[in-house]
Amino acid sequence: MMEQGKLAFTAVYLQSNGEYIGFVEELPSMNSRGRTLHEAREALQNLAAEVFAEERRKTTLAHAGNALVREPFFIPAGLKAAA
């Protein structure tokens, strides 16, 4: 979801064995951990920013010399996946 120039995802935090494990529901395999909820939240935000920046960098390198069109991509709220 886009809100004031920001994309919104769903972060989930689980408390397990004295620490917090955080992950983003919409981004498989991206997870963080921290001794506190604050640490796990901060680590997850930093990781997501790094992953997005790296993916943009890889796209630019892979298509060097080609004209790229970059634009915002929106998925309407409430859109359900096909069964």
C-alpha atoms as a PDB file:
ATOM      1  CA  MET A   1       0.000   0.000   0.000  1.00  0.00           C
ATOM      2  CA  MET A   2       1.282   3.483  -0.809  1.00  0.00           C
ATOM      3  CA  GLU A   3       0.862   6.090   1.871  1.00  0.00           C
ATOM      4  CA  GLN A   4       2.587   9.484   1.750  1.00  0.00           C
ATOM      5  CA  GLY A   5       5.365   8.204  -0.495  1.00  0.00           C
ATOM      6  CA  LYS A   6       5.877   4.958   1.431  1.00  0.00           C
ATOM      7  CA  LEU A   7       5.073   1.364   0.608  1.00  0.00           C
ATOM      8  CA  ALA A   8       3.386  -0.540   3.396  1.00  0.00           C
ATOM      9  CA  PHE A   9       4.069  -4.199   4.083  1.00  0.00           C
ATOM     10  CA  THR A  10       3.103  -6.454   6.985  1.00  0.00           C
ATOM     11  CA  ALA A  11       5.816  -7.103   9.552  1.00  0.00           C
ATOM     12  CA  VAL A  12       5.309  -9.990  11.955  1.00  0.00           C
ATOM     13  CA  TYR A  13       7.337 -10.479  15.125  1.00  0.00           C
ATOM     14  CA  LEU A  14       7.501 -13.724  17.093  1.00  0.00           C
ATOM     15  CA  GLN A  15       8.956 -13.991  20.552  1.00  0.00           C
ATOM     16  CA  SER A  16      10.993 -17.173  20.858  1.00  0.00           C
ATOM     17  CA  ASN A  17      13.730 -18.303  23.250  1.00  0.00           C
ATOM     18  CA  GLY A  18      14.246 -14.847  24.733  1.00  0.00           C
ATOM     19  CA  GLU A  19      14.521 -12.981  21.446  1.00  0.00           C
ATOM     20  CA  TYR A  20      12.280 -11.614  18.729  1.00  0.00           C
ATOM     21  CA  ILE A  21      12.229 -12.897  15.176  1.00  0.00           C
ATOM     22  CA  GLY A  22      10.731 -10.561  12.606  1.00  0.00           C
ATOM     23  CA  PHE A  23       9.711 -11.170   9.021  1.00  0.00           C
ATOM     24  CA  VAL A  24       7.764  -9.484   6.244  1.00  0.00           C
ATOM     25  CA  GLU A  25       4.770 -11.525   5.127  1.00  0.00           C
ATOM     26  CA  GLU A  26       4.944 -10.229   1.553  1.00  0.00           C
ATOM     27  CA  LEU A  27       8.708 -10.795   1.155  1.00  0.00           C
ATOM     28  CA  PRO A  28       9.587 -14.467   1.611  1.00  0.00           C
ATOM     29  CA  SER A  29      12.910 -15.372   3.199  1.00  0.00           C
ATOM     30  CA  MET A  30      13.555 -11.909   4.638  1.00  0.00           C
ATOM     31  CA  ASN A  31      13.803 -12.097   8.408  1.00  0.00           C
ATOM     32  CA  SER A  32      15.622 -10.473  11.292  1.00  0.00           C
ATOM     33  CA  ARG A  33      16.164 -10.999  14.968  1.00  0.00           C
ATOM     34  CA  GLY A  34      16.849  -8.946  18.017  1.00  0.00           C
ATOM     35  CA  ARG A  35      17.007  -9.196  21.778  1.00  0.00           C
ATOM     36  CA  THR A  36      14.119  -6.723  21.951  1.00  0.00           C
ATOM     37  CA  LEU A  37      11.170  -5.964  19.704  1.00  0.00           C
ATOM     38  CA  HIS A  38      12.772  -2.604  18.928  1.00  0.00           C
ATOM     39  CA  GLU A  39      16.031  -4.275  17.817  1.00  0.00           C
ATOM     40  CA  ALA A  40      14.200  -6.801  15.624  1.00  0.00           C
ATOM     41  CA  ARG A  41      12.067  -4.050  14.078  1.00  0.00           C
ATOM     42  CA  GLU A  42      15.078  -1.853  13.343  1.00  0.00           C
ATOM     43  CA  ALA A  43      17.040  -4.784  11.882  1.00  0.00           C
ATOM     44  CA  LEU A  44      14.130  -5.747   9.624  1.00  0.00           C
ATOM     45  CA  GLN A  45      13.718  -2.192   8.329  1.00  0.00           C
ATOM     46  CA  ASN A  46      17.447  -1.923   7.598  1.00  0.00           C
ATOM     47  CA  LEU A  47      17.513  -5.310   5.893  1.00  0.00           C
ATOM     48  CA  ALA A  48      14.530  -4.468   3.672  1.00  0.00           C
ATOM     49  CA  ALA A  49      16.152  -1.185   2.604  1.00  0.00           C
ATOM     50  CA  GLU A  50      19.397  -3.027   1.744  1.00  0.00           C
ATOM     51  CA  VAL A  51      17.596  -5.763  -0.203  1.00  0.00           C
ATOM     52  CA  PHE A  52      15.597  -3.244  -2.270  1.00  0.00           C
ATOM     53  CA  ALA A  53      18.711  -1.174  -3.006  1.00  0.00           C
ATOM     54  CA  GLU A  54      20.658  -4.279  -4.047  1.00  0.00           C
ATOM     55  CA  GLU A  55      17.866  -5.495  -6.332  1.00  0.00           C
ATOM     56  CA  ARG A  56      17.720  -2.069  -8.027  1.00  0.00           C
ATOM     57  CA  ARG A  57      21.505  -2.135  -8.454  1.00  0.00           C
ATOM     58  CA  LYS A  58      21.400  -5.642  -9.974  1.00  0.00           C
ATOM     59  CA  THR A  59      18.667  -4.595 -12.403  1.00  0.00           C
ATOM     60  CA  THR A  60      20.678  -1.566 -13.506  1.00  0.00           C
ATOM     61  CA  LEU A  61      23.824  -3.673 -14.061  1.00  0.00           C
ATOM     62  CA  ALA A  62      21.986  -6.497 -15.825  1.00  0.00           C
ATOM     63  CA  HIS A  63      20.379  -4.091 -18.281  1.00  0.00           C
ATOM     64  CA  ALA A  64      23.202  -1.605 -18.774  1.00  0.00           C
ATOM     65  CA  GLY A  65      22.935   0.015 -22.182  1.00  0.00           C
ATOM     66  CA  ASN A  66      19.205  -0.654 -22.426  1.00  0.00           C
ATOM     67  CA  ALA A  67      16.538   1.956 -21.925  1.00  0.00           C
ATOM     68  CA  LEU A  68      14.741   1.169 -18.672  1.00  0.00           C
ATOM     69  CA  VAL A  69      11.372   2.524 -17.686  1.00  0.00           C
ATOM     70  CA  ARG A  70      10.898   2.644 -13.936  1.00  0.00           C
ATOM     71  CA  GLU A  71       7.526   3.522 -12.487  1.00  0.00           C
ATOM     72  CA  PRO A  72       5.524   2.980  -9.316  1.00  0.00           C
ATOM     73  CA  PHE A  73       3.636  -0.302  -9.210  1.00  0.00           C
ATOM     74  CA  PHE A  74       0.464  -0.497  -7.157  1.00  0.00           C
ATOM     75  CA  ILE A  75      -1.700  -3.414  -6.144  1.00  0.00           C
ATOM     76  CA  PRO A  76      -5.206  -2.382  -5.126  1.00  0.00           C
ATOM     77  CA  ALA A  77      -6.057  -3.029  -1.475  1.00  0.00           C
ATOM     78  CA  GLY A  78      -8.217  -6.092  -1.019  1.00  0.00           C
ATOM     79  CA  LEU A  79      -7.042  -7.753  -4.223  1.00  0.00           C
ATOM     80  CA  LYS A  80      -7.175 -11.502  -3.694  1.00  0.00           C
ATOM     81  CA  ALA A  81      -4.916 -14.052  -5.329  1.00  0.00           C
ATOM     82  CA  ALA A  82      -6.494 -16.461  -7.790  1.00  0.00           C
ATOM     83  CA  ALA A  83      -7.505 -19.749  -6.208  1.00  0.00           C
END
